[in-house]
């Protein structure tokens, strides 16, 4: 597994601070009352791409070498990572190819194309898209941006925790996060 340190996350925050929004943290009165704890939602849906995946994608892209940027990037995703990579690449002026399963939501495919990426639809499930992306990467030399198993991607996503601690003045007992790998 990829190891990420607090310093990596702090560096990521510095790297992406002008790209991503510091999103709101809203209290859920209903869940707070029901659980007897203070429950908050981090509103990452307010990011330009609608999810936190922009953070990791932009941090990874910002840490590419000039040679890697010149070769472009490739990713596989069912939607959120696709949009993050596409927008991050567009803002950096590099070519992005995104392989998505043919079953990906049309809204996510359209948004990814709208951010300037070349979209390749392949297969029915994420694993099909991933296999095709690896194949294209080998043919083109583009840098593969893994949706979750990458130090820079993880550090970028981790900037959310830094914001939570700041927004709650370090009075945090527990952070619960749904997890998934773009499948």
Protein backbone atom coordinates (compact mmCIF):
# COMPACT_ATOMS: atom_id res chain seq x y z
CA UNK A 1 0.00 0.00 0.00
CA UNK A 2 1.12 3.54 -0.72
CA UNK A 3 2.33 5.39 2.38
CA UNK A 4 1.32 9.02 2.78
CA UNK A 5 2.50 11.32 5.56
CA UNK A 6 0.96 14.40 7.12
CA UNK A 7 3.70 16.38 5.39
CA UNK A 8 2.57 14.96 2.03
CA UNK A 9 -0.99 16.15 2.72
CA UNK A 10 0.19 19.58 3.85
CA UNK A 11 2.29 19.91 0.68
CA UNK A 12 -0.70 18.86 -1.40
CA UNK A 13 -2.80 21.57 0.20
CA UNK A 14 -0.21 24.16 -0.77
CA UNK A 15 -0.07 22.75 -4.30
CA UNK A 16 -3.83 22.79 -4.96
CA UNK A 17 -4.91 25.77 -2.84
CA UNK A 18 -5.62 27.96 -5.87
CA UNK A 19 -7.46 25.20 -7.73
CA UNK A 20 -9.93 23.65 -5.31
CA UNK A 21 -12.51 25.28 -3.09
CA UNK A 22 -12.39 25.08 0.68
CA UNK A 23 -15.84 23.55 0.94
CA UNK A 24 -18.45 24.15 3.60
CA UNK A 25 -18.89 21.90 6.58
CA UNK A 26 -22.58 21.79 7.46
CA UNK A 27 -24.06 20.36 10.63
CA UNK A 28 -26.86 17.85 10.33
CA UNK A 29 -29.22 18.70 13.19
CA UNK A 30 -31.26 15.56 12.60
CA UNK A 31 -28.30 13.16 12.65
CA UNK A 32 -26.69 15.02 15.53
CA UNK A 33 -29.87 14.64 17.60
CA UNK A 34 -30.28 11.00 16.60
CA UNK A 35 -26.69 10.02 17.41
CA UNK A 36 -26.00 12.28 20.37
CA UNK A 37 -22.90 13.54 18.57
CA UNK A 38 -22.14 16.57 16.45
CA UNK A 39 -22.45 15.32 12.86
CA UNK A 40 -21.26 17.40 9.92
CA UNK A 41 -21.21 16.95 6.16
CA UNK A 42 -18.24 18.11 4.09
CA UNK A 43 -19.80 19.58 0.96
CA UNK A 44 -17.38 18.35 -1.68
CA UNK A 45 -20.27 18.38 -4.12
CA UNK A 46 -19.52 22.11 -4.35
CA UNK A 47 -16.20 21.50 -6.11
CA UNK A 48 -16.26 22.46 -9.80
CA UNK A 49 -16.43 18.78 -10.80
CA UNK A 50 -18.94 17.89 -8.09
CA UNK A 51 -16.65 15.67 -6.02
CA UNK A 52 -13.50 15.49 -3.95
CA UNK A 53 -11.67 13.62 -6.71
CA UNK A 54 -10.54 16.94 -8.19
CA UNK A 55 -8.17 17.34 -5.23
CA UNK A 56 -6.17 14.19 -5.86
CA UNK A 57 -6.15 14.48 -9.63
CA UNK A 58 -4.86 18.05 -9.56
CA UNK A 59 -2.20 17.26 -6.98
CA UNK A 60 -0.96 14.33 -9.07
CA UNK A 61 -0.91 16.38 -12.28
CA UNK A 62 0.93 19.23 -10.55
CA UNK A 63 3.66 16.78 -9.53
CA UNK A 64 4.26 15.34 -13.00
CA UNK A 65 7.62 15.93 -14.65
CA UNK A 66 7.80 18.03 -17.80
CA UNK A 67 8.35 14.84 -19.80
CA UNK A 68 5.27 13.21 -18.26
CA UNK A 69 3.20 16.31 -19.02
CA UNK A 70 4.41 16.27 -22.62
CA UNK A 71 3.26 12.65 -22.98
CA UNK A 72 -0.20 13.44 -21.60
CA UNK A 73 -2.17 11.52 -19.01
CA UNK A 74 -4.57 8.62 -19.09
CA UNK A 75 -7.02 7.41 -16.46
CA UNK A 76 -9.84 4.96 -16.03
CA UNK A 77 -12.96 5.93 -14.14
CA UNK A 78 -16.71 5.62 -14.03
CA UNK A 79 -17.01 9.37 -13.55
CA UNK A 80 -15.67 11.44 -10.66
CA UNK A 81 -11.95 10.73 -11.11
CA UNK A 82 -12.50 11.14 -14.86
CA UNK A 83 -13.79 14.66 -14.39
CA UNK A 84 -11.03 15.57 -11.94
CA UNK A 85 -8.30 14.38 -14.30
CA UNK A 86 -9.94 16.03 -17.30
CA UNK A 87 -10.26 19.41 -15.60
CA UNK A 88 -6.81 19.21 -14.01
CA UNK A 89 -5.26 18.39 -17.38
CA UNK A 90 -7.16 21.19 -19.09
CA UNK A 91 -5.98 23.74 -16.52
CA UNK A 92 -2.40 22.53 -17.00
CA UNK A 93 -2.61 22.47 -20.78
CA UNK A 94 -1.90 18.76 -21.18
CA UNK A 95 -3.69 16.05 -23.12
CA UNK A 96 -5.97 13.72 -21.18
CA UNK A 97 -7.47 10.44 -22.30
CA UNK A 98 -10.08 8.90 -20.04
CA UNK A 99 -11.32 5.34 -20.45
CA UNK A 100 -14.79 4.83 -19.02
CA UNK A 101 -17.08 1.81 -19.04
CA UNK A 102 -19.85 2.11 -21.62
CA UNK A 103 -22.27 1.98 -18.68
CA UNK A 104 -20.89 5.18 -17.11
CA UNK A 105 -23.60 7.79 -16.52
CA UNK A 106 -24.08 9.97 -19.60
CA UNK A 107 -23.85 13.12 -17.46
CA UNK A 108 -20.37 12.11 -16.28
CA UNK A 109 -19.21 11.18 -19.79
CA UNK A 110 -20.51 14.50 -21.13
CA UNK A 111 -18.89 16.49 -18.32
CA UNK A 112 -15.56 14.72 -18.84
CA UNK A 113 -15.64 15.54 -22.55
CA UNK A 114 -16.67 19.09 -21.66
CA UNK A 115 -13.46 19.50 -19.68
CA UNK A 116 -11.54 18.67 -22.84
CA UNK A 117 -10.59 15.03 -22.37
CA UNK A 118 -10.72 12.42 -25.08
CA UNK A 119 -13.14 9.80 -23.77
CA UNK A 120 -12.86 6.16 -24.78
CA UNK A 121 -15.81 3.97 -23.80
CA UNK A 122 -14.81 0.36 -23.24
CA UNK A 123 -16.52 -2.60 -21.65
CA UNK A 124 -19.32 -2.82 -19.17
CA UNK A 125 -17.56 -2.59 -15.81
CA UNK A 126 -14.69 -0.56 -14.39
CA UNK A 127 -12.21 -3.43 -14.73
CA UNK A 128 -12.77 -3.41 -18.50
CA UNK A 129 -12.05 0.31 -18.66
CA UNK A 130 -8.97 -0.10 -16.47
CA UNK A 131 -7.56 -2.86 -18.69
CA UNK A 132 -8.07 -0.73 -21.80
CA UNK A 133 -6.44 2.29 -20.13
CA UNK A 134 -3.37 0.21 -19.26
CA UNK A 135 -3.22 -1.01 -22.86
CA UNK A 136 -3.43 2.55 -24.24
CA UNK A 137 -0.85 3.74 -21.71
CA UNK A 138 1.63 1.15 -22.95
CA UNK A 139 1.01 2.18 -26.57
CA UNK A 140 1.22 5.95 -26.03
CA UNK A 141 3.56 6.45 -23.08
CA UNK A 142 0.99 8.64 -21.34
CA UNK A 143 1.20 8.74 -17.55
CA UNK A 144 -1.47 6.63 -15.87
CA UNK A 145 -3.29 8.45 -13.08
CA UNK A 146 -4.57 5.77 -10.74
CA UNK A 147 -7.86 6.79 -9.09
CA UNK A 148 -6.80 5.79 -5.58
CA UNK A 149 -3.52 3.90 -5.22
CA UNK A 150 -1.14 6.82 -5.73
CA UNK A 151 0.70 8.88 -3.13
CA UNK A 152 -0.14 12.23 -4.75
CA UNK A 153 -3.79 11.34 -5.32
CA UNK A 154 -4.20 10.17 -1.73
CA UNK A 155 -2.45 13.26 -0.36
CA UNK A 156 -4.71 15.50 -2.44
CA UNK A 157 -7.84 13.76 -1.16
CA UNK A 158 -6.42 14.02 2.37
CA UNK A 159 -6.54 17.81 2.25
CA UNK A 160 -10.22 17.44 3.15
CA UNK A 161 -9.22 16.28 6.64
CA UNK A 162 -7.00 19.33 7.15
CA UNK A 163 -9.97 21.55 6.32
CA UNK A 164 -12.26 19.65 8.68
CA UNK A 165 -9.86 20.06 11.60
CA UNK A 166 -9.48 23.78 10.85
CA UNK A 167 -13.20 24.35 10.41
CA UNK A 168 -13.98 22.60 13.71
CA UNK A 169 -11.05 24.19 15.57
CA UNK A 170 -9.43 20.75 16.06
CA UNK A 171 -12.48 19.53 18.01
CA UNK A 172 -12.95 16.36 16.03
CA UNK A 173 -13.57 12.97 17.60
CA UNK A 174 -14.18 10.87 14.50
CA UNK A 175 -14.21 11.27 10.75
CA UNK A 176 -16.31 8.76 8.82
CA UNK A 177 -15.68 8.51 5.10
CA UNK A 178 -17.32 6.38 2.49
CA UNK A 179 -14.64 4.74 0.39
CA UNK A 180 -14.45 3.40 -3.09
CA UNK A 181 -12.01 3.19 -5.90
CA UNK A 182 -13.90 4.58 -8.84
CA UNK A 183 -15.61 1.31 -9.59
